[in-house]
């Protein structure tokens, strides 16, 4: 293990670290938004839109992110739609992540008792009011474990971005290994970099899950 090689590679890994964080953050926020919309439209069985969302969820969950990225990056330019690698990566992450988030939220929403929904309807609540005051607050607490797992999953999926030459952590490590043949040092840096990202995220989400669960159920 040559520590001078690690020291020399630190600026490149710091740059890749920032790109990975940025792509993950945008992708996760977009995925949560898409997931909430898809899940609520399915939960309330909104005509046409719910069927479209169901088809989207099935398509996204049953195709690998790698194939989705290839399609966005190589197939779209053929029909005149050109996007940067970063934009393709974010769209791909949101497309995949939104489907997984939708499934997670759906599980939480379905855990709400029918009596509460019927009570809201008896009070004259609209679908929007039911979603805002009854379904979403309780469903979010119930779906938080799935949300946590999906966030961690999406952060790790950014490693696939190396196939479209986005200079994130995995791509940077592979490039350096290809140039200097120092696998041990660069792979160690890659593992440490992902650990620095994932461990605080896991601890934060675990704490949030406990707080929300205790607040919701009084345990």
N, C-alpha and C. Protein backbone atom coordinates (compact mmCIF):
# COMPACT_ATOMS: atom_id res chain seq x y z
N UNK A 1 0.85 -1.19 0.00
CA UNK A 1 0.00 0.00 0.00
C UNK A 1 0.88 1.24 0.00
N UNK A 2 0.78 2.04 -1.06
CA UNK A 2 1.60 3.24 -1.20
C UNK A 2 0.75 4.46 -0.84
N UNK A 3 1.02 5.07 0.32
CA UNK A 3 0.19 6.17 0.79
C UNK A 3 0.42 7.44 -0.01
N UNK A 4 1.57 7.58 -0.64
CA UNK A 4 1.81 8.77 -1.46
C UNK A 4 0.90 8.78 -2.68
N UNK A 5 0.61 7.60 -3.22
CA UNK A 5 -0.31 7.49 -4.36
C UNK A 5 -1.71 7.91 -3.94
N UNK A 6 -2.12 7.50 -2.74
CA UNK A 6 -3.42 7.90 -2.22
C UNK A 6 -3.50 9.42 -2.04
N UNK A 7 -2.42 9.98 -1.52
CA UNK A 7 -2.39 11.43 -1.32
C UNK A 7 -2.49 12.18 -2.65
N UNK A 8 -1.81 11.70 -3.67
CA UNK A 8 -1.85 12.35 -4.97
C UNK A 8 -3.24 12.27 -5.61
N UNK A 9 -3.96 11.19 -5.32
CA UNK A 9 -5.28 11.00 -5.94
C UNK A 9 -6.40 11.69 -5.17
N UNK A 10 -6.12 12.24 -4.01
CA UNK A 10 -7.17 12.84 -3.19
C UNK A 10 -7.95 13.95 -3.90
N UNK A 11 -7.29 14.89 -4.63
CA UNK A 11 -8.08 15.93 -5.32
C UNK A 11 -9.07 15.36 -6.33
N UNK A 12 -8.67 14.33 -7.07
CA UNK A 12 -9.57 13.72 -8.05
C UNK A 12 -10.75 13.05 -7.35
N UNK A 13 -10.46 12.35 -6.26
CA UNK A 13 -11.54 11.69 -5.53
C UNK A 13 -12.45 12.71 -4.84
N UNK A 14 -11.88 13.83 -4.40
CA UNK A 14 -12.71 14.87 -3.77
C UNK A 14 -13.68 15.45 -4.80
N UNK A 15 -13.19 15.67 -6.02
CA UNK A 15 -14.06 16.16 -7.09
C UNK A 15 -15.15 15.13 -7.42
N UNK A 16 -14.77 13.86 -7.52
CA UNK A 16 -15.73 12.80 -7.82
C UNK A 16 -16.73 12.64 -6.67
N UNK A 17 -16.26 12.83 -5.45
CA UNK A 17 -17.12 12.76 -4.27
C UNK A 17 -18.23 13.80 -4.36
N UNK A 18 -17.87 15.02 -4.73
CA UNK A 18 -18.85 16.09 -4.87
C UNK A 18 -19.87 15.79 -5.95
N UNK A 19 -19.40 15.26 -7.08
CA UNK A 19 -20.32 14.92 -8.17
C UNK A 19 -21.28 13.82 -7.73
N UNK A 20 -20.78 12.82 -7.04
CA UNK A 20 -21.63 11.72 -6.57
C UNK A 20 -22.70 12.23 -5.60
N UNK A 21 -22.30 13.10 -4.68
CA UNK A 21 -23.25 13.67 -3.72
C UNK A 21 -24.33 14.46 -4.46
N UNK A 22 -23.91 15.29 -5.41
CA UNK A 22 -24.85 16.15 -6.13
C UNK A 22 -25.84 15.31 -6.94
N UNK A 23 -25.34 14.34 -7.68
CA UNK A 23 -26.21 13.49 -8.49
C UNK A 23 -27.17 12.69 -7.60
N UNK A 24 -26.66 12.18 -6.49
CA UNK A 24 -27.51 11.42 -5.57
C UNK A 24 -28.61 12.29 -4.99
N UNK A 25 -28.26 13.49 -4.58
CA UNK A 25 -29.23 14.39 -3.95
C UNK A 25 -30.35 14.75 -4.90
N UNK A 26 -29.99 15.16 -6.13
CA UNK A 26 -31.01 15.52 -7.12
C UNK A 26 -31.86 14.31 -7.47
N UNK A 27 -31.21 13.17 -7.65
CA UNK A 27 -31.93 11.96 -8.01
C UNK A 27 -32.89 11.51 -6.92
N UNK A 28 -32.47 11.60 -5.66
CA UNK A 28 -33.32 11.17 -4.54
C UNK A 28 -34.51 12.10 -4.38
N UNK A 29 -34.27 13.40 -4.44
CA UNK A 29 -35.38 14.36 -4.31
C UNK A 29 -36.39 14.16 -5.44
N UNK A 30 -35.89 14.03 -6.67
CA UNK A 30 -36.78 13.80 -7.80
C UNK A 30 -37.54 12.48 -7.67
N UNK A 31 -36.87 11.45 -7.18
CA UNK A 31 -37.50 10.14 -7.00
C UNK A 31 -38.63 10.20 -5.98
N UNK A 32 -38.39 10.91 -4.89
CA UNK A 32 -39.42 11.02 -3.85
C UNK A 32 -40.65 11.74 -4.39
N UNK A 33 -40.43 12.83 -5.13
CA UNK A 33 -41.55 13.58 -5.71
C UNK A 33 -42.34 12.70 -6.68
N UNK A 34 -41.64 12.03 -7.59
CA UNK A 34 -42.30 11.14 -8.55
C UNK A 34 -43.01 10.01 -7.83
N UNK A 35 -42.36 9.45 -6.81
CA UNK A 35 -42.95 8.35 -6.07
C UNK A 35 -44.23 8.74 -5.36
N UNK A 36 -44.25 9.93 -4.76
CA UNK A 36 -45.46 10.40 -4.07
C UNK A 36 -46.60 10.58 -5.06
N UNK A 37 -46.31 11.22 -6.18
CA UNK A 37 -47.35 11.46 -7.19
C UNK A 37 -47.89 10.13 -7.73
N UNK A 38 -46.98 9.23 -8.09
CA UNK A 38 -47.41 7.93 -8.64
C UNK A 38 -48.22 7.14 -7.62
N UNK A 39 -47.78 7.15 -6.38
CA UNK A 39 -48.45 6.36 -5.35
C UNK A 39 -49.84 6.91 -5.03
N UNK A 40 -49.96 8.23 -4.92
CA UNK A 40 -51.25 8.82 -4.60
C UNK A 40 -52.26 8.61 -5.73
N UNK A 41 -51.80 8.74 -6.98
CA UNK A 41 -52.72 8.51 -8.10
C UNK A 41 -53.19 7.06 -8.14
N UNK A 42 -52.31 6.14 -7.77
CA UNK A 42 -52.71 4.74 -7.70
C UNK A 42 -53.62 4.47 -6.51
N UNK A 43 -53.32 5.10 -5.38
CA UNK A 43 -54.11 4.88 -4.17
C UNK A 43 -55.55 5.34 -4.35
N UNK A 44 -55.72 6.52 -4.96
CA UNK A 44 -57.07 7.06 -5.16
C UNK A 44 -57.70 6.60 -6.48
N UNK A 45 -56.94 5.76 -7.22
CA UNK A 45 -57.45 5.16 -8.46
C UNK A 45 -58.01 6.22 -9.41
N UNK A 46 -57.20 7.24 -9.66
CA UNK A 46 -57.59 8.30 -10.60
C UNK A 46 -57.62 7.71 -12.01
N UNK A 47 -58.74 7.83 -12.71
CA UNK A 47 -58.86 7.20 -14.03
C UNK A 47 -57.74 7.60 -14.98
N UNK A 48 -57.29 6.68 -15.78
CA UNK A 48 -56.26 6.84 -16.81
C UNK A 48 -54.88 7.07 -16.18
N UNK A 49 -54.77 8.11 -15.33
CA UNK A 49 -53.46 8.44 -14.75
C UNK A 49 -52.94 7.30 -13.90
N UNK A 50 -53.82 6.66 -13.12
CA UNK A 50 -53.37 5.56 -12.27
C UNK A 50 -52.88 4.38 -13.11
N UNK A 51 -53.52 4.13 -14.24
CA UNK A 51 -53.07 3.05 -15.12
C UNK A 51 -51.73 3.38 -15.75
N UNK A 52 -51.54 4.64 -16.12
CA UNK A 52 -50.26 5.08 -16.69
C UNK A 52 -49.15 4.93 -15.65
N UNK A 53 -49.43 5.33 -14.41
CA UNK A 53 -48.43 5.23 -13.35
C UNK A 53 -48.11 3.78 -13.03
N UNK A 54 -49.11 2.91 -13.06
CA UNK A 54 -48.87 1.49 -12.82
C UNK A 54 -47.95 0.91 -13.89
N UNK A 55 -48.21 1.28 -15.16
CA UNK A 55 -47.36 0.81 -16.26
C UNK A 55 -45.93 1.34 -16.10
N UNK A 56 -45.82 2.62 -15.69
CA UNK A 56 -44.49 3.20 -15.48
C UNK A 56 -43.72 2.47 -14.38
N UNK A 57 -44.38 2.20 -13.27
CA UNK A 57 -43.73 1.52 -12.14
C UNK A 57 -43.23 0.14 -12.56
N UNK A 58 -44.07 -0.60 -13.27
CA UNK A 58 -43.68 -1.94 -13.71
C UNK A 58 -42.52 -1.88 -14.69
N UNK A 59 -42.56 -0.93 -15.61
CA UNK A 59 -41.48 -0.79 -16.59
C UNK A 59 -40.17 -0.42 -15.92
N UNK A 60 -40.21 0.57 -15.03
CA UNK A 60 -38.98 1.05 -14.39
C UNK A 60 -38.38 -0.01 -13.46
N UNK A 61 -39.22 -0.71 -12.70
CA UNK A 61 -38.72 -1.69 -11.74
C UNK A 61 -38.20 -2.96 -12.41
N UNK A 62 -38.64 -3.23 -13.63
CA UNK A 62 -38.26 -4.48 -14.29
C UNK A 62 -37.25 -4.28 -15.42
N UNK A 63 -36.61 -3.11 -15.46
CA UNK A 63 -35.51 -2.88 -16.40
C UNK A 63 -34.31 -2.35 -15.63
N UNK A 64 -33.11 -2.83 -15.91
CA UNK A 64 -31.92 -2.37 -15.17
C UNK A 64 -31.60 -0.91 -15.47
N UNK A 65 -31.01 -0.23 -14.49
CA UNK A 65 -30.59 1.15 -14.68
C UNK A 65 -29.58 1.25 -15.82
N UNK A 66 -28.74 0.24 -15.97
CA UNK A 66 -27.74 0.23 -17.04
C UNK A 66 -28.41 0.36 -18.41
N UNK A 67 -29.46 -0.41 -18.65
CA UNK A 67 -30.16 -0.36 -19.93
C UNK A 67 -30.87 0.98 -20.09
N UNK A 68 -31.43 1.50 -19.02
CA UNK A 68 -32.09 2.81 -19.09
C UNK A 68 -31.11 3.92 -19.46
N UNK A 69 -29.92 3.86 -18.89
CA UNK A 69 -28.90 4.86 -19.20
C UNK A 69 -28.43 4.75 -20.64
N UNK A 70 -28.22 3.52 -21.09
CA UNK A 70 -27.84 3.33 -22.50
C UNK A 70 -28.90 3.91 -23.43
N UNK A 71 -30.16 3.68 -23.10
CA UNK A 71 -31.25 4.17 -23.94
C UNK A 71 -31.26 5.70 -23.97
N UNK A 72 -31.11 6.32 -22.81
CA UNK A 72 -31.13 7.78 -22.74
C UNK A 72 -29.92 8.40 -23.44
N UNK A 73 -28.76 7.78 -23.24
CA UNK A 73 -27.51 8.39 -23.72
C UNK A 73 -27.22 8.10 -25.19
N UNK A 74 -27.62 6.91 -25.66
CA UNK A 74 -27.27 6.53 -27.03
C UNK A 74 -28.46 6.51 -27.99
N UNK A 75 -29.66 6.18 -27.48
CA UNK A 75 -30.81 6.07 -28.37
C UNK A 75 -31.49 7.42 -28.63
N UNK A 76 -31.60 8.25 -27.62
CA UNK A 76 -32.27 9.54 -27.79
C UNK A 76 -31.60 10.44 -28.84
N UNK A 77 -30.25 10.52 -28.89
CA UNK A 77 -29.63 11.35 -29.93
C UNK A 77 -30.02 10.93 -31.35
N UNK A 78 -30.36 9.66 -31.54
CA UNK A 78 -30.77 9.19 -32.87
C UNK A 78 -32.04 9.89 -33.33
N UNK A 79 -32.95 10.20 -32.37
CA UNK A 79 -34.19 10.89 -32.73
C UNK A 79 -34.09 12.40 -32.47
N UNK A 80 -32.87 12.89 -32.28
CA UNK A 80 -32.63 14.33 -32.16
C UNK A 80 -32.67 14.90 -30.76
N UNK A 81 -32.75 14.06 -29.74
CA UNK A 81 -32.77 14.54 -28.35
C UNK A 81 -31.41 14.27 -27.73
N UNK A 82 -30.64 15.33 -27.55
CA UNK A 82 -29.29 15.19 -27.01
C UNK A 82 -29.22 15.78 -25.61
N UNK A 83 -28.68 15.01 -24.69
CA UNK A 83 -28.53 15.44 -23.30
C UNK A 83 -27.12 15.13 -22.82
N UNK A 84 -26.65 15.90 -21.87
CA UNK A 84 -25.34 15.62 -21.29
C UNK A 84 -25.40 14.34 -20.48
N UNK A 85 -24.23 13.79 -20.20
CA UNK A 85 -24.18 12.56 -19.41
C UNK A 85 -24.79 12.76 -18.03
N UNK A 86 -24.55 13.93 -17.42
CA UNK A 86 -25.09 14.19 -16.09
C UNK A 86 -26.61 14.23 -16.10
N UNK A 87 -27.19 14.88 -17.13
CA UNK A 87 -28.65 14.95 -17.23
C UNK A 87 -29.23 13.55 -17.44
N UNK A 88 -28.59 12.76 -18.29
CA UNK A 88 -29.04 11.38 -18.50
C UNK A 88 -28.99 10.58 -17.20
N UNK A 89 -27.92 10.77 -16.44
CA UNK A 89 -27.79 10.07 -15.17
C UNK A 89 -28.89 10.44 -14.19
N UNK A 90 -29.19 11.74 -14.09
CA UNK A 90 -30.23 12.19 -13.16
C UNK A 90 -31.60 11.68 -13.59
N UNK A 91 -31.90 11.78 -14.88
CA UNK A 91 -33.19 11.29 -15.37
C UNK A 91 -33.32 9.79 -15.14
N UNK A 92 -32.24 9.06 -15.42
CA UNK A 92 -32.27 7.62 -15.20
C UNK A 92 -32.49 7.25 -13.75
N UNK A 93 -31.81 7.99 -12.85
CA UNK A 93 -31.94 7.70 -11.41
C UNK A 93 -33.35 8.03 -10.92
N UNK A 94 -33.92 9.14 -11.41
CA UNK A 94 -35.28 9.50 -11.02
C UNK A 94 -36.28 8.51 -11.59
N UNK A 95 -36.06 8.09 -12.84
CA UNK A 95 -36.98 7.14 -13.48
C UNK A 95 -37.01 5.83 -12.70
N UNK A 96 -35.84 5.33 -12.34
CA UNK A 96 -35.78 4.08 -11.57
C UNK A 96 -36.23 4.30 -10.13
N UNK A 97 -35.68 5.32 -9.50
CA UNK A 97 -35.98 5.55 -8.09
C UNK A 97 -37.43 5.90 -7.83
N UNK A 98 -38.06 6.65 -8.76
CA UNK A 98 -39.45 7.01 -8.58
C UNK A 98 -40.35 5.80 -8.48
N UNK A 99 -40.04 4.76 -9.25
CA UNK A 99 -40.84 3.53 -9.22
C UNK A 99 -40.69 2.82 -7.88
N UNK A 100 -39.47 2.74 -7.38
CA UNK A 100 -39.25 2.09 -6.08
C UNK A 100 -39.86 2.91 -4.95
N UNK A 101 -39.74 4.23 -5.03
CA UNK A 101 -40.36 5.07 -4.01
C UNK A 101 -41.88 4.92 -4.04
N UNK A 102 -42.45 4.83 -5.24
CA UNK A 102 -43.90 4.67 -5.36
C UNK A 102 -44.37 3.40 -4.67
N UNK A 103 -43.63 2.32 -4.86
CA UNK A 103 -43.99 1.06 -4.20
C UNK A 103 -43.87 1.19 -2.68
N UNK A 104 -42.85 1.88 -2.23
CA UNK A 104 -42.68 2.07 -0.79
C UNK A 104 -43.81 2.90 -0.19
N UNK A 105 -44.16 4.01 -0.86
CA UNK A 105 -45.24 4.85 -0.37
C UNK A 105 -46.58 4.12 -0.44
N UNK A 106 -46.79 3.34 -1.49
CA UNK A 106 -48.03 2.59 -1.62
C UNK A 106 -48.23 1.64 -0.44
N UNK A 107 -47.14 0.97 -0.04
CA UNK A 107 -47.23 0.09 1.12
C UNK A 107 -47.61 0.85 2.38
N UNK A 108 -47.07 2.05 2.54
CA UNK A 108 -47.41 2.86 3.70
C UNK A 108 -48.85 3.36 3.65
N UNK A 109 -49.27 3.83 2.48
CA UNK A 109 -50.63 4.34 2.34
C UNK A 109 -51.67 3.24 2.56
N UNK A 110 -51.36 2.05 2.09
CA UNK A 110 -52.29 0.94 2.26
C UNK A 110 -52.40 0.48 3.71
N UNK A 111 -51.43 0.90 4.54
CA UNK A 111 -51.47 0.54 5.95
C UNK A 111 -52.41 1.39 6.77
N UNK A 112 -52.96 2.45 6.16
CA UNK A 112 -53.90 3.32 6.87
C UNK A 112 -55.27 2.63 6.94
N UNK A 113 -55.88 2.65 8.09
CA UNK A 113 -57.16 1.96 8.26
C UNK A 113 -58.25 2.59 7.41
N UNK A 114 -59.13 1.75 6.90
CA UNK A 114 -60.23 2.21 6.06
C UNK A 114 -61.17 3.13 6.84
N UNK A 115 -61.29 2.90 8.13
CA UNK A 115 -62.20 3.72 8.94
C UNK A 115 -61.79 5.19 8.94
N UNK A 116 -60.48 5.46 8.91
CA UNK A 116 -60.02 6.84 8.88
C UNK A 116 -60.35 7.50 7.55
N UNK A 117 -60.21 6.73 6.47
CA UNK A 117 -60.55 7.28 5.15
C UNK A 117 -62.04 7.56 5.08
N UNK A 118 -62.85 6.62 5.57
CA UNK A 118 -64.30 6.81 5.54
C UNK A 118 -64.72 7.97 6.43
N UNK A 119 -64.02 8.15 7.53
CA UNK A 119 -64.34 9.28 8.42
C UNK A 119 -64.05 10.60 7.73
N UNK A 120 -62.93 10.65 7.00
CA UNK A 120 -62.60 11.85 6.25
C UNK A 120 -63.63 12.16 5.19
N UNK A 121 -64.07 11.13 4.50
CA UNK A 121 -65.10 11.31 3.47
C UNK A 121 -66.42 11.77 4.09
N UNK A 122 -66.74 11.22 5.28
CA UNK A 122 -67.98 11.62 5.96
C UNK A 122 -67.95 13.09 6.37
N UNK A 123 -66.75 13.60 6.63
CA UNK A 123 -66.60 15.02 6.98
C UNK A 123 -66.62 15.92 5.76
N UNK A 124 -66.72 15.32 4.58
CA UNK A 124 -66.79 16.10 3.35
C UNK A 124 -65.44 16.48 2.76
N UNK A 125 -64.40 15.76 3.15
CA UNK A 125 -63.07 16.05 2.62
C UNK A 125 -62.97 15.66 1.15
N UNK A 126 -62.27 16.49 0.38
CA UNK A 126 -61.98 16.15 -1.00
C UNK A 126 -60.81 15.18 -1.05
N UNK A 127 -60.51 14.66 -2.26
CA UNK A 127 -59.36 13.77 -2.38
C UNK A 127 -58.07 14.46 -1.99
N UNK A 128 -57.95 15.73 -2.36
CA UNK A 128 -56.74 16.48 -2.01
C UNK A 128 -56.61 16.63 -0.51
N UNK A 129 -57.74 16.94 0.16
CA UNK A 129 -57.70 17.09 1.62
C UNK A 129 -57.41 15.77 2.32
N UNK A 130 -57.99 14.69 1.81
CA UNK A 130 -57.70 13.37 2.37
C UNK A 130 -56.21 13.05 2.23
N UNK A 131 -55.66 13.33 1.04
CA UNK A 131 -54.25 13.05 0.80
C UNK A 131 -53.37 13.89 1.72
N UNK A 132 -53.74 15.15 1.91
CA UNK A 132 -52.89 16.07 2.69
C UNK A 132 -52.99 15.83 4.19
N UNK A 133 -54.19 15.61 4.70
CA UNK A 133 -54.38 15.57 6.14
C UNK A 133 -54.47 14.17 6.74
N UNK A 134 -54.81 13.17 5.93
CA UNK A 134 -55.01 11.83 6.46
C UNK A 134 -54.01 10.83 5.88
N UNK A 135 -53.99 10.73 4.55
CA UNK A 135 -53.21 9.67 3.91
C UNK A 135 -51.71 9.93 4.00
N UNK A 136 -51.27 11.10 3.57
CA UNK A 136 -49.83 11.33 3.47
C UNK A 136 -49.11 11.35 4.82
N UNK A 137 -49.61 12.09 5.84
CA UNK A 137 -48.86 12.12 7.12
C UNK A 137 -48.66 10.73 7.73
N UNK A 138 -49.72 9.92 7.76
CA UNK A 138 -49.59 8.59 8.35
C UNK A 138 -48.86 7.63 7.42
N UNK A 139 -49.16 7.73 6.12
CA UNK A 139 -48.50 6.85 5.15
C UNK A 139 -47.01 7.09 5.07
N UNK A 140 -46.58 8.34 5.24
CA UNK A 140 -45.15 8.65 5.21
C UNK A 140 -44.43 7.96 6.36
N UNK A 141 -45.03 8.02 7.55
CA UNK A 141 -44.40 7.36 8.72
C UNK A 141 -44.29 5.86 8.49
N UNK A 142 -45.34 5.27 7.93
CA UNK A 142 -45.34 3.82 7.71
C UNK A 142 -44.38 3.40 6.60
N UNK A 143 -44.15 4.28 5.64
CA UNK A 143 -43.30 3.93 4.50
C UNK A 143 -41.84 4.32 4.69
N UNK A 144 -41.52 4.94 5.82
CA UNK A 144 -40.15 5.42 6.02
C UNK A 144 -39.09 4.33 5.96
N UNK A 145 -39.32 3.12 6.51
CA UNK A 145 -38.30 2.07 6.35
C UNK A 145 -37.99 1.75 4.89
N UNK A 146 -39.04 1.66 4.06
CA UNK A 146 -38.82 1.42 2.63
C UNK A 146 -38.14 2.61 1.98
N UNK A 147 -38.50 3.81 2.40
CA UNK A 147 -37.87 5.02 1.88
C UNK A 147 -36.38 5.02 2.20
N UNK A 148 -36.03 4.63 3.42
CA UNK A 148 -34.62 4.56 3.82
C UNK A 148 -33.84 3.59 2.95
N UNK A 149 -34.40 2.40 2.75
CA UNK A 149 -33.72 1.40 1.93
C UNK A 149 -33.56 1.88 0.49
N UNK A 150 -34.57 2.57 -0.03
CA UNK A 150 -34.49 3.06 -1.41
C UNK A 150 -33.45 4.17 -1.56
N UNK A 151 -33.34 5.04 -0.58
CA UNK A 151 -32.33 6.11 -0.64
C UNK A 151 -30.93 5.51 -0.68
N UNK A 152 -30.66 4.55 0.18
CA UNK A 152 -29.36 3.89 0.19
C UNK A 152 -29.10 3.18 -1.14
N UNK A 153 -30.14 2.52 -1.65
CA UNK A 153 -30.04 1.83 -2.93
C UNK A 153 -29.70 2.80 -4.06
N UNK A 154 -30.33 3.97 -4.09
CA UNK A 154 -30.09 4.93 -5.16
C UNK A 154 -28.69 5.52 -5.09
N UNK A 155 -28.20 5.76 -3.88
CA UNK A 155 -26.83 6.28 -3.75
C UNK A 155 -25.83 5.28 -4.32
N UNK A 156 -26.03 4.01 -4.01
CA UNK A 156 -25.12 2.98 -4.53
C UNK A 156 -25.27 2.80 -6.04
N UNK A 157 -26.46 3.06 -6.57
CA UNK A 157 -26.69 2.92 -8.01
C UNK A 157 -25.95 3.98 -8.83
N UNK A 158 -25.48 5.05 -8.20
CA UNK A 158 -24.70 6.05 -8.95
C UNK A 158 -23.41 5.46 -9.50
N UNK A 159 -22.97 4.34 -8.96
CA UNK A 159 -21.76 3.69 -9.49
C UNK A 159 -21.95 3.24 -10.93
N UNK A 160 -23.22 3.03 -11.36
CA UNK A 160 -23.51 2.63 -12.73
C UNK A 160 -23.23 3.75 -13.71
N UNK A 161 -23.18 4.99 -13.21
CA UNK A 161 -22.97 6.14 -14.10
C UNK A 161 -21.62 6.09 -14.82
N UNK A 162 -20.73 5.23 -14.34
CA UNK A 162 -19.41 5.13 -14.99
C UNK A 162 -19.54 4.67 -16.45
N UNK A 163 -20.64 3.99 -16.80
CA UNK A 163 -20.80 3.48 -18.18
C UNK A 163 -21.06 4.60 -19.17
N UNK A 164 -21.50 5.77 -18.70
CA UNK A 164 -21.68 6.91 -19.61
C UNK A 164 -20.68 8.02 -19.29
N UNK A 165 -19.58 7.62 -18.68
CA UNK A 165 -18.41 8.49 -18.48
C UNK A 165 -18.67 9.70 -17.59
N UNK A 166 -19.57 9.57 -16.63
CA UNK A 166 -19.71 10.63 -15.63
C UNK A 166 -18.59 10.44 -14.61
N UNK A 167 -17.82 11.48 -14.32
CA UNK A 167 -16.65 11.32 -13.45
C UNK A 167 -17.00 11.23 -11.97
N UNK A 168 -17.87 10.26 -11.62
CA UNK A 168 -18.19 10.05 -10.21
C UNK A 168 -17.14 9.13 -9.60
N UNK A 169 -17.39 8.63 -8.41
CA UNK A 169 -16.36 7.90 -7.67
C UNK A 169 -15.90 6.63 -8.38
N UNK A 170 -16.82 5.81 -8.82
CA UNK A 170 -16.44 4.55 -9.45
C UNK A 170 -15.68 4.78 -10.75
N UNK A 171 -16.16 5.70 -11.56
CA UNK A 171 -15.49 6.00 -12.82
C UNK A 171 -14.08 6.53 -12.58
N UNK A 172 -13.93 7.39 -11.58
CA UNK A 172 -12.62 7.94 -11.25
C UNK A 172 -11.66 6.84 -10.81
N UNK A 173 -12.14 5.94 -9.96
CA UNK A 173 -11.29 4.83 -9.49
C UNK A 173 -10.88 3.93 -10.65
N UNK A 174 -11.81 3.61 -11.53
CA UNK A 174 -11.50 2.73 -12.67
C UNK A 174 -10.52 3.40 -13.63
N UNK A 175 -10.68 4.70 -13.84
CA UNK A 175 -9.74 5.42 -14.72
C UNK A 175 -8.33 5.40 -14.14
N UNK A 176 -8.22 5.66 -12.85
CA UNK A 176 -6.90 5.68 -12.22
C UNK A 176 -6.26 4.29 -12.22
N UNK A 177 -7.06 3.26 -11.99
CA UNK A 177 -6.54 1.89 -12.03
C UNK A 177 -6.05 1.57 -13.44
N UNK A 178 -6.81 2.00 -14.46
CA UNK A 178 -6.41 1.75 -15.84
C UNK A 178 -5.13 2.47 -16.23
N UNK A 179 -4.88 3.63 -15.63
CA UNK A 179 -3.69 4.40 -15.97
C UNK A 179 -2.45 3.97 -15.19
N UNK A 180 -2.64 3.66 -13.90
CA UNK A 180 -1.48 3.45 -13.04
C UNK A 180 -1.38 2.03 -12.45
N UNK A 181 -2.39 1.19 -12.68
CA UNK A 181 -2.37 -0.20 -12.23
C UNK A 181 -2.14 -0.34 -10.72
N UNK A 182 -2.74 0.56 -9.96
CA UNK A 182 -2.63 0.50 -8.50
C UNK A 182 -4.03 0.23 -7.93
N UNK A 183 -4.45 -1.02 -8.05
CA UNK A 183 -5.82 -1.38 -7.67
C UNK A 183 -6.07 -1.22 -6.17
N UNK A 184 -5.13 -1.67 -5.34
CA UNK A 184 -5.34 -1.67 -3.90
C UNK A 184 -5.63 -0.27 -3.37
N UNK A 185 -4.78 0.68 -3.77
CA UNK A 185 -4.93 2.04 -3.25
C UNK A 185 -6.25 2.68 -3.70
N UNK A 186 -6.55 2.58 -4.99
CA UNK A 186 -7.73 3.27 -5.51
C UNK A 186 -9.03 2.59 -5.09
N UNK A 187 -9.02 1.29 -4.98
CA UNK A 187 -10.22 0.60 -4.50
C UNK A 187 -10.47 0.89 -3.02
N UNK A 188 -9.38 1.00 -2.24
CA UNK A 188 -9.53 1.38 -0.84
C UNK A 188 -10.15 2.77 -0.72
N UNK A 189 -9.69 3.70 -1.55
CA UNK A 189 -10.24 5.05 -1.54
C UNK A 189 -11.71 5.04 -1.95
N UNK A 190 -12.06 4.18 -2.90
CA UNK A 190 -13.45 4.07 -3.35
C UNK A 190 -14.35 3.58 -2.22
N UNK A 191 -13.90 2.54 -1.52
CA UNK A 191 -14.68 1.99 -0.42
C UNK A 191 -14.85 3.03 0.69
N UNK A 192 -13.76 3.71 1.03
CA UNK A 192 -13.83 4.72 2.09
C UNK A 192 -14.76 5.86 1.70
N UNK A 193 -14.70 6.28 0.43
CA UNK A 193 -15.55 7.38 -0.04
C UNK A 193 -17.03 7.03 0.08
N UNK A 194 -17.40 5.82 -0.35
CA UNK A 194 -18.80 5.41 -0.23
C UNK A 194 -19.21 5.24 1.24
N UNK A 195 -18.28 4.78 2.07
CA UNK A 195 -18.58 4.65 3.50
C UNK A 195 -18.83 6.02 4.13
N UNK A 196 -18.05 7.02 3.71
CA UNK A 196 -18.23 8.38 4.23
C UNK A 196 -19.60 8.92 3.86
N UNK A 197 -20.09 8.56 2.68
CA UNK A 197 -21.42 9.00 2.25
C UNK A 197 -22.51 8.21 2.95
N UNK A 198 -22.39 6.89 2.93
CA UNK A 198 -23.51 6.03 3.32
C UNK A 198 -23.71 5.92 4.83
N UNK A 199 -22.63 5.85 5.60
CA UNK A 199 -22.78 5.65 7.04
C UNK A 199 -23.54 6.80 7.71
N UNK A 200 -23.18 8.08 7.46
CA UNK A 200 -23.99 9.16 8.04
C UNK A 200 -25.44 9.16 7.56
N UNK A 201 -25.65 8.83 6.28
CA UNK A 201 -27.02 8.78 5.75
C UNK A 201 -27.82 7.70 6.46
N UNK A 202 -27.23 6.52 6.65
CA UNK A 202 -27.91 5.42 7.34
C UNK A 202 -28.24 5.81 8.78
N UNK A 203 -27.28 6.42 9.49
CA UNK A 203 -27.52 6.82 10.88
C UNK A 203 -28.61 7.88 10.97
N UNK A 204 -28.57 8.85 10.06
CA UNK A 204 -29.58 9.92 10.07
C UNK A 204 -30.97 9.37 9.78
N UNK A 205 -31.09 8.52 8.78
CA UNK A 205 -32.39 7.97 8.41
C UNK A 205 -32.93 7.03 9.48
N UNK A 206 -32.03 6.28 10.12
CA UNK A 206 -32.45 5.40 11.22
C UNK A 206 -32.99 6.21 12.38
N UNK A 207 -32.31 7.30 12.70
CA UNK A 207 -32.78 8.20 13.77
C UNK A 207 -34.12 8.80 13.40
N UNK A 208 -34.25 9.26 12.14
CA UNK A 208 -35.51 9.87 11.69
C UNK A 208 -36.64 8.86 11.73
N UNK A 209 -36.36 7.63 11.33
CA UNK A 209 -37.38 6.57 11.35
C UNK A 209 -37.90 6.34 12.76
N UNK A 210 -36.99 6.31 13.73
CA UNK A 210 -37.41 6.11 15.12
C UNK A 210 -38.22 7.29 15.63
N UNK A 211 -37.80 8.50 15.29
CA UNK A 211 -38.51 9.69 15.75
C UNK A 211 -39.91 9.73 15.17
N UNK A 212 -40.02 9.45 13.88
CA UNK A 212 -41.34 9.51 13.23
C UNK A 212 -42.24 8.40 13.77
N UNK A 213 -41.68 7.21 13.95
CA UNK A 213 -42.47 6.09 14.45
C UNK A 213 -42.97 6.36 15.86
N UNK A 214 -42.09 6.88 16.72
CA UNK A 214 -42.49 7.16 18.09
C UNK A 214 -43.52 8.30 18.13
N UNK A 215 -43.29 9.29 17.28
CA UNK A 215 -44.23 10.42 17.24
C UNK A 215 -45.59 10.00 16.73
N UNK A 216 -45.62 9.04 15.80
CA UNK A 216 -46.88 8.64 15.19
C UNK A 216 -47.67 7.68 16.09
N UNK A 217 -46.97 6.81 16.79
CA UNK A 217 -47.66 5.76 17.52
C UNK A 217 -47.49 5.85 19.03
N UNK A 218 -46.69 6.82 19.49
CA UNK A 218 -46.56 7.03 20.92
C UNK A 218 -45.81 5.95 21.66
N UNK A 219 -44.88 5.25 20.96
CA UNK A 219 -44.10 4.20 21.61
C UNK A 219 -42.92 4.78 22.38
